[in-house]
Structure formats: C-alpha cells, structure tokens
Amino acid sequence: MRTEIDLHVMQDIGAIIRAGAPAIEPLSAELKALLEALRRVTPQG
C-alpha cells in the first residue's frame, strides 16, 4: 500500500516539475530532492 502511494506521489511530483509551472519554481529544487529520495526508497519493479 505504502509503495503504491509513493509511486503516485512520485508521478505527481514528476508531472509538476515537467510542467515547469512558474508558481512552483521556487520549490522545484526541493521537489526534485524529494523525488530523488522517494526513488531511492521505492522498490523498482
């Protein structure tokens, strides 16, 4: 269950970063760091 949630969160954050919305620019570095952390703890399958 938790892995499923993490995967959805990763996809959502990835979509936000790819969209490059001006409103999230100040947070983009933090979001990318969070995405990388989630990638490390989420099993690749």
N, C-alpha and C. Protein backbone atom coordinates (compact mmCIF):
# COMPACT_ATOMS: atom_id res chain seq x y z
N MET A 1 0.83 -1.20 0.00
CA MET A 1 0.00 0.00 0.00
C MET A 1 0.87 1.25 0.00
N ARG A 2 1.84 1.31 0.92
CA ARG A 2 2.69 2.49 1.00
C ARG A 2 3.48 2.69 -0.29
N THR A 3 3.96 1.60 -0.87
CA THR A 3 4.72 1.71 -2.11
C THR A 3 3.85 2.28 -3.22
N GLU A 4 2.58 1.86 -3.28
CA GLU A 4 1.66 2.38 -4.27
C GLU A 4 1.49 3.89 -4.12
N ILE A 5 1.31 4.33 -2.87
CA ILE A 5 1.14 5.76 -2.60
C ILE A 5 2.40 6.52 -3.01
N ASP A 6 3.58 6.00 -2.64
CA ASP A 6 4.83 6.66 -3.01
C ASP A 6 4.96 6.79 -4.52
N LEU A 7 4.55 5.74 -5.23
CA LEU A 7 4.65 5.77 -6.69
C LEU A 7 3.76 6.87 -7.25
N HIS A 8 2.55 6.99 -6.73
CA HIS A 8 1.64 8.03 -7.21
C HIS A 8 2.20 9.42 -6.88
N VAL A 9 2.76 9.57 -5.70
CA VAL A 9 3.36 10.85 -5.31
C VAL A 9 4.51 11.20 -6.25
N MET A 10 5.36 10.21 -6.54
CA MET A 10 6.48 10.43 -7.45
C MET A 10 5.98 10.89 -8.81
N GLN A 11 4.93 10.23 -9.32
CA GLN A 11 4.40 10.58 -10.63
C GLN A 11 3.83 11.99 -10.62
N ASP A 12 3.12 12.34 -9.54
CA ASP A 12 2.53 13.68 -9.43
C ASP A 12 3.62 14.75 -9.40
N ILE A 13 4.64 14.52 -8.57
CA ILE A 13 5.72 15.50 -8.46
C ILE A 13 6.46 15.62 -9.79
N GLY A 14 6.70 14.48 -10.43
CA GLY A 14 7.37 14.49 -11.72
C GLY A 14 6.60 15.30 -12.75
N ALA A 15 5.28 15.14 -12.74
CA ALA A 15 4.43 15.88 -13.69
C ALA A 15 4.51 17.38 -13.42
N ILE A 16 4.51 17.75 -12.14
CA ILE A 16 4.60 19.17 -11.77
C ILE A 16 5.94 19.75 -12.25
N ILE A 17 7.02 19.02 -12.00
CA ILE A 17 8.34 19.51 -12.40
C ILE A 17 8.43 19.63 -13.92
N ARG A 18 7.92 18.63 -14.64
CA ARG A 18 7.97 18.68 -16.11
C ARG A 18 7.13 19.83 -16.66
N ALA A 19 6.02 20.12 -15.99
CA ALA A 19 5.15 21.21 -16.44
C ALA A 19 5.87 22.56 -16.29
N GLY A 20 6.74 22.64 -15.29
CA GLY A 20 7.52 23.87 -15.10
C GLY A 20 6.65 25.06 -14.76
N ALA A 21 5.58 24.84 -14.02
CA ALA A 21 4.69 25.94 -13.66
C ALA A 21 5.46 27.01 -12.88
N PRO A 22 5.34 28.28 -13.27
CA PRO A 22 6.07 29.36 -12.60
C PRO A 22 5.83 29.39 -11.10
N ALA A 23 4.63 29.01 -10.68
CA ALA A 23 4.29 29.07 -9.26
C ALA A 23 5.13 28.11 -8.42
N ILE A 24 5.60 27.02 -9.03
CA ILE A 24 6.36 26.04 -8.25
C ILE A 24 7.86 26.18 -8.45
N GLU A 25 8.28 27.15 -9.25
CA GLU A 25 9.71 27.32 -9.49
C GLU A 25 10.53 27.44 -8.21
N PRO A 26 10.11 28.24 -7.23
CA PRO A 26 10.91 28.35 -6.00
C PRO A 26 11.04 27.01 -5.27
N LEU A 27 10.10 26.11 -5.49
CA LEU A 27 10.11 24.83 -4.79
C LEU A 27 10.71 23.72 -5.62
N SER A 28 11.00 23.98 -6.90
CA SER A 28 11.38 22.90 -7.79
C SER A 28 12.61 22.13 -7.31
N ALA A 29 13.60 22.82 -6.76
CA ALA A 29 14.79 22.12 -6.27
C ALA A 29 14.44 21.20 -5.12
N GLU A 30 13.58 21.67 -4.22
CA GLU A 30 13.15 20.85 -3.10
C GLU A 30 12.31 19.67 -3.58
N LEU A 31 11.44 19.92 -4.55
CA LEU A 31 10.62 18.84 -5.10
C LEU A 31 11.48 17.79 -5.77
N LYS A 32 12.49 18.23 -6.50
CA LYS A 32 13.39 17.28 -7.17
C LYS A 32 14.14 16.45 -6.13
N ALA A 33 14.58 17.08 -5.04
CA ALA A 33 15.27 16.35 -3.98
C ALA A 33 14.34 15.31 -3.35
N LEU A 34 13.09 15.71 -3.12
CA LEU A 34 12.11 14.79 -2.56
C LEU A 34 11.85 13.64 -3.51
N LEU A 35 11.73 13.94 -4.79
CA LEU A 35 11.51 12.91 -5.79
C LEU A 35 12.67 11.91 -5.80
N GLU A 36 13.89 12.42 -5.73
CA GLU A 36 15.06 11.53 -5.71
C GLU A 36 15.05 10.66 -4.45
N ALA A 37 14.68 11.24 -3.31
CA ALA A 37 14.61 10.47 -2.06
C ALA A 37 13.57 9.37 -2.18
N LEU A 38 12.42 9.70 -2.77
CA LEU A 38 11.37 8.69 -2.95
C LEU A 38 11.84 7.60 -3.89
N ARG A 39 12.57 7.96 -4.92
CA ARG A 39 13.08 6.95 -5.86
C ARG A 39 14.01 5.98 -5.15
N ARG A 40 14.81 6.50 -4.23
CA ARG A 40 15.75 5.63 -3.51
C ARG A 40 15.04 4.65 -2.59
N VAL A 41 13.92 5.06 -1.97
CA VAL A 41 13.25 4.19 -1.01
C VAL A 41 12.15 3.34 -1.63
N THR A 42 11.77 3.63 -2.88
CA THR A 42 10.71 2.86 -3.53
C THR A 42 11.32 1.77 -4.39
N PRO A 43 10.93 0.52 -4.15
CA PRO A 43 11.45 -0.59 -4.96
C PRO A 43 11.11 -0.40 -6.43
N GLN A 44 12.07 -0.63 -7.29
CA GLN A 44 11.82 -0.53 -8.72
C GLN A 44 11.26 -1.85 -9.23
N GLY A 45 10.13 -1.79 -9.95
CA GLY A 45 9.52 -3.04 -10.36
C GLY A 45 8.96 -3.05 -11.72
